[in-house]
N, C-alpha and C. Protein backbone atom coordinates (compact mmCIF):
# COMPACT_ATOMS: atom_id res chain seq x y z
N MET A 1 39.48 -199.57 252.18
CA MET A 1 38.09 -199.28 251.92
C MET A 1 37.22 -200.54 251.97
N THR A 2 37.81 -201.68 251.64
CA THR A 2 37.01 -202.91 251.70
C THR A 2 36.60 -203.23 253.13
N ALA A 3 37.41 -202.82 254.10
CA ALA A 3 37.03 -203.03 255.50
C ALA A 3 35.81 -202.19 255.85
N ASP A 4 35.74 -200.97 255.29
CA ASP A 4 34.57 -200.12 255.52
C ASP A 4 33.31 -200.76 254.92
N LEU A 5 33.46 -201.33 253.72
CA LEU A 5 32.32 -202.01 253.10
C LEU A 5 31.90 -203.22 253.92
N ALA A 6 32.87 -203.98 254.40
CA ALA A 6 32.56 -205.15 255.23
C ALA A 6 31.84 -204.73 256.51
N SER A 7 32.26 -203.62 257.07
CA SER A 7 31.63 -203.09 258.27
C SER A 7 30.18 -202.70 257.99
N MET A 8 29.95 -202.07 256.85
CA MET A 8 28.59 -201.70 256.48
C MET A 8 27.73 -202.94 256.20
N GLU A 9 28.32 -203.95 255.58
CA GLU A 9 27.57 -205.18 255.33
C GLU A 9 27.20 -205.87 256.64
N ALA A 10 28.12 -205.87 257.60
CA ALA A 10 27.82 -206.45 258.90
C ALA A 10 26.70 -205.68 259.60
N ALA A 11 26.74 -204.36 259.49
CA ALA A 11 25.70 -203.53 260.10
C ALA A 11 24.35 -203.77 259.41
N LEU A 12 24.38 -203.97 258.09
CA LEU A 12 23.14 -204.26 257.37
C LEU A 12 22.57 -205.60 257.83
N ALA A 13 23.43 -206.58 258.04
CA ALA A 13 22.97 -207.88 258.55
C ALA A 13 22.35 -207.71 259.94
N GLN A 14 22.96 -206.89 260.78
CA GLN A 14 22.40 -206.63 262.11
C GLN A 14 21.05 -205.94 262.01
N LEU A 15 20.92 -205.04 261.06
CA LEU A 15 19.64 -204.35 260.86
C LEU A 15 18.57 -205.34 260.42
N ARG A 16 18.92 -206.21 259.49
CA ARG A 16 17.97 -207.23 259.01
C ARG A 16 17.53 -208.15 260.16
N ASN A 17 18.46 -208.44 261.07
CA ASN A 17 18.17 -209.35 262.19
C ASN A 17 17.53 -208.65 263.38
N GLY A 18 17.35 -207.35 263.27
CA GLY A 18 16.72 -206.61 264.36
C GLY A 18 17.65 -206.31 265.51
N GLN A 19 18.96 -206.49 265.31
CA GLN A 19 19.92 -206.21 266.38
C GLN A 19 20.21 -204.72 266.53
N ILE A 20 20.07 -203.98 265.44
CA ILE A 20 20.20 -202.52 265.49
C ILE A 20 19.01 -201.93 264.73
N GLY A 21 18.76 -200.66 264.96
CA GLY A 21 17.66 -199.99 264.29
C GLY A 21 18.13 -199.21 263.08
N ALA A 22 17.17 -198.64 262.38
CA ALA A 22 17.45 -197.87 261.17
C ALA A 22 18.36 -196.67 261.46
N GLN A 23 18.10 -196.00 262.58
CA GLN A 23 18.91 -194.83 262.93
C GLN A 23 20.37 -195.22 263.17
N ALA A 24 20.58 -196.33 263.87
CA ALA A 24 21.95 -196.79 264.14
C ALA A 24 22.66 -197.17 262.85
N PHE A 25 21.95 -197.86 261.97
CA PHE A 25 22.56 -198.24 260.70
C PHE A 25 22.90 -196.99 259.89
N SER A 26 21.97 -196.06 259.83
CA SER A 26 22.19 -194.84 259.05
C SER A 26 23.39 -194.06 259.59
N GLY A 27 23.48 -193.96 260.89
CA GLY A 27 24.62 -193.26 261.49
C GLY A 27 25.93 -193.95 261.16
N HIS A 28 25.92 -195.27 261.21
CA HIS A 28 27.12 -196.04 260.87
C HIS A 28 27.50 -195.82 259.41
N ALA A 29 26.50 -195.88 258.53
CA ALA A 29 26.78 -195.71 257.10
C ALA A 29 27.31 -194.30 256.81
N ARG A 30 26.71 -193.31 257.41
CA ARG A 30 27.15 -191.93 257.18
C ARG A 30 28.54 -191.65 257.75
N ALA A 31 28.94 -192.45 258.73
CA ALA A 31 30.26 -192.27 259.35
C ALA A 31 31.40 -192.81 258.48
N GLN A 32 31.07 -193.50 257.41
CA GLN A 32 32.09 -194.07 256.54
C GLN A 32 32.59 -193.02 255.55
N THR A 33 33.10 -191.93 256.08
CA THR A 33 33.46 -190.77 255.25
C THR A 33 34.61 -191.08 254.29
N ALA A 34 35.58 -191.88 254.73
CA ALA A 34 36.70 -192.20 253.84
C ALA A 34 36.21 -193.01 252.64
N LEU A 35 35.35 -193.97 252.90
CA LEU A 35 34.78 -194.76 251.81
C LEU A 35 33.99 -193.88 250.85
N LEU A 36 33.13 -193.04 251.40
CA LEU A 36 32.29 -192.18 250.56
C LEU A 36 33.14 -191.19 249.76
N ALA A 37 34.24 -190.74 250.32
CA ALA A 37 35.12 -189.81 249.61
C ALA A 37 35.83 -190.51 248.45
N THR A 38 36.04 -191.80 248.58
CA THR A 38 36.73 -192.57 247.54
C THR A 38 35.82 -192.86 246.36
N LEU A 39 34.55 -193.03 246.63
CA LEU A 39 33.58 -193.37 245.58
C LEU A 39 33.15 -192.12 244.82
N PRO A 40 32.67 -192.28 243.58
CA PRO A 40 32.14 -191.13 242.85
C PRO A 40 30.98 -190.48 243.63
N PRO A 41 30.78 -189.18 243.47
CA PRO A 41 29.75 -188.46 244.24
C PRO A 41 28.35 -189.06 244.14
N ARG A 42 28.01 -189.66 243.02
CA ARG A 42 26.66 -190.22 242.88
C ARG A 42 26.39 -191.32 243.89
N TYR A 43 27.43 -192.01 244.35
CA TYR A 43 27.25 -193.06 245.35
C TYR A 43 26.78 -192.46 246.68
N THR A 44 27.35 -191.33 247.05
CA THR A 44 26.93 -190.66 248.27
C THR A 44 25.49 -190.19 248.14
N GLU A 45 25.14 -189.62 246.99
CA GLU A 45 23.78 -189.15 246.77
C GLU A 45 22.77 -190.28 246.90
N VAL A 46 23.05 -191.40 246.25
CA VAL A 46 22.13 -192.54 246.28
C VAL A 46 22.04 -193.09 247.70
N LEU A 47 23.17 -193.23 248.37
CA LEU A 47 23.15 -193.74 249.74
C LEU A 47 22.33 -192.83 250.65
N GLN A 48 22.52 -191.53 250.53
CA GLN A 48 21.77 -190.59 251.36
C GLN A 48 20.26 -190.74 251.11
N GLN A 49 19.87 -190.91 249.86
CA GLN A 49 18.45 -191.10 249.54
C GLN A 49 17.91 -192.38 250.17
N LEU A 50 18.68 -193.46 250.06
CA LEU A 50 18.25 -194.73 250.65
C LEU A 50 18.15 -194.63 252.16
N LEU A 51 19.12 -193.97 252.79
CA LEU A 51 19.10 -193.85 254.25
C LEU A 51 17.93 -192.98 254.71
N THR A 52 17.63 -191.93 253.98
CA THR A 52 16.49 -191.08 254.33
C THR A 52 15.20 -191.88 254.26
N ARG A 53 15.04 -192.67 253.20
CA ARG A 53 13.84 -193.50 253.08
C ARG A 53 13.78 -194.55 254.18
N LEU A 54 14.93 -195.13 254.50
CA LEU A 54 14.99 -196.14 255.56
C LEU A 54 14.56 -195.54 256.89
N GLU A 55 15.09 -194.37 257.21
CA GLU A 55 14.74 -193.70 258.46
C GLU A 55 13.25 -193.34 258.49
N SER A 56 12.73 -192.91 257.36
CA SER A 56 11.30 -192.58 257.28
C SER A 56 10.45 -193.83 257.45
N SER A 57 10.87 -194.92 256.83
CA SER A 57 10.08 -196.16 256.91
C SER A 57 10.05 -196.70 258.33
N ALA A 58 11.08 -196.41 259.11
CA ALA A 58 11.12 -196.89 260.49
C ALA A 58 10.07 -196.20 261.36
N LEU A 59 9.57 -195.07 260.90
CA LEU A 59 8.57 -194.32 261.67
C LEU A 59 7.16 -194.87 261.49
N PHE A 60 6.98 -195.71 260.47
CA PHE A 60 5.65 -196.22 260.14
C PHE A 60 5.67 -197.74 260.11
N SER A 61 4.50 -198.31 260.23
CA SER A 61 4.40 -199.76 260.06
C SER A 61 4.58 -200.08 258.58
N GLU A 62 4.94 -201.30 258.27
CA GLU A 62 5.18 -201.73 256.89
C GLU A 62 3.98 -201.42 255.99
N GLU A 63 2.77 -201.60 256.52
CA GLU A 63 1.57 -201.42 255.70
C GLU A 63 1.29 -199.96 255.38
N SER A 64 1.62 -199.06 256.29
CA SER A 64 1.27 -197.67 256.07
C SER A 64 2.35 -196.90 255.33
N CYS A 65 3.47 -197.52 255.13
CA CYS A 65 4.57 -196.84 254.45
C CYS A 65 4.44 -197.03 252.94
N SER A 66 4.82 -196.03 252.19
CA SER A 66 4.67 -196.10 250.73
C SER A 66 5.75 -196.95 250.07
N PHE A 67 6.74 -197.38 250.83
CA PHE A 67 7.76 -198.26 250.27
C PHE A 67 8.11 -199.32 251.30
N SER A 68 8.53 -200.44 250.82
CA SER A 68 8.81 -201.60 251.66
C SER A 68 10.19 -201.48 252.30
N GLN A 69 10.25 -201.69 253.60
CA GLN A 69 11.55 -201.65 254.27
C GLN A 69 12.44 -202.78 253.78
N SER A 70 11.88 -203.95 253.52
CA SER A 70 12.70 -205.05 253.02
C SER A 70 13.27 -204.73 251.65
N ALA A 71 12.51 -204.02 250.81
CA ALA A 71 13.03 -203.61 249.51
C ALA A 71 14.16 -202.59 249.69
N LEU A 72 14.03 -201.71 250.67
CA LEU A 72 15.10 -200.76 250.95
C LEU A 72 16.38 -201.47 251.39
N LEU A 73 16.22 -202.48 252.22
CA LEU A 73 17.39 -203.24 252.66
C LEU A 73 18.04 -203.95 251.48
N ASP A 74 17.22 -204.47 250.59
CA ASP A 74 17.75 -205.10 249.37
C ASP A 74 18.50 -204.07 248.52
N ASN A 75 17.94 -202.87 248.43
CA ASN A 75 18.60 -201.81 247.65
C ASN A 75 19.91 -201.37 248.31
N LEU A 76 19.96 -201.37 249.62
CA LEU A 76 21.22 -201.06 250.30
C LEU A 76 22.27 -202.12 249.99
N GLN A 77 21.85 -203.38 249.91
CA GLN A 77 22.80 -204.45 249.55
C GLN A 77 23.29 -204.26 248.12
N VAL A 78 22.41 -203.87 247.22
CA VAL A 78 22.81 -203.58 245.84
C VAL A 78 23.82 -202.43 245.83
N TRP A 79 23.57 -201.40 246.63
CA TRP A 79 24.51 -200.29 246.72
C TRP A 79 25.88 -200.77 247.17
N LEU A 80 25.90 -201.62 248.19
CA LEU A 80 27.18 -202.16 248.68
C LEU A 80 27.89 -202.97 247.61
N ASP A 81 27.13 -203.78 246.87
CA ASP A 81 27.72 -204.58 245.80
C ASP A 81 28.32 -203.69 244.71
N LYS A 82 27.59 -202.66 244.33
CA LYS A 82 28.08 -201.73 243.30
C LYS A 82 29.29 -200.95 243.79
N ALA A 83 29.28 -200.56 245.06
CA ALA A 83 30.43 -199.85 245.63
C ALA A 83 31.66 -200.75 245.61
N ARG A 84 31.49 -202.02 245.93
CA ARG A 84 32.61 -202.97 245.90
C ARG A 84 33.16 -203.09 244.48
N GLU A 85 32.27 -203.18 243.50
CA GLU A 85 32.70 -203.25 242.09
C GLU A 85 33.46 -201.98 241.69
N GLN A 86 32.95 -200.83 242.12
CA GLN A 86 33.59 -199.56 241.79
C GLN A 86 34.99 -199.49 242.38
N LEU A 87 35.14 -199.91 243.62
CA LEU A 87 36.45 -199.90 244.27
C LEU A 87 37.41 -200.86 243.57
N ALA A 88 36.89 -202.01 243.13
CA ALA A 88 37.74 -202.98 242.45
C ALA A 88 38.24 -202.40 241.12
N LYS A 89 37.38 -201.66 240.42
CA LYS A 89 37.78 -201.04 239.14
C LYS A 89 38.82 -199.94 239.38
N ALA A 90 38.61 -199.18 240.43
CA ALA A 90 39.51 -198.05 240.72
C ALA A 90 40.84 -198.50 241.27
N GLY A 91 40.83 -199.64 241.97
CA GLY A 91 42.06 -200.09 242.63
C GLY A 91 42.81 -201.01 241.78
């Protein structure tokens, strides 16, 4: 599962650098089904909410969106950090 987290962190870095878009990152994150199945259900719920907001924010400019895309990216990193902690406790 740590490889799945590392893969998501790499994809998040690519998103921050503009190498991939929000849709590509979201698809990658949602494809981590084994990781999501290992984590408590609330992790999937929170991730889905963050990804929905990220996809929505990609449709608008930063100024017209009600939430900051950079803050969403920071929240995705927090999610990854918490998921890593959860896996460490469970394993």
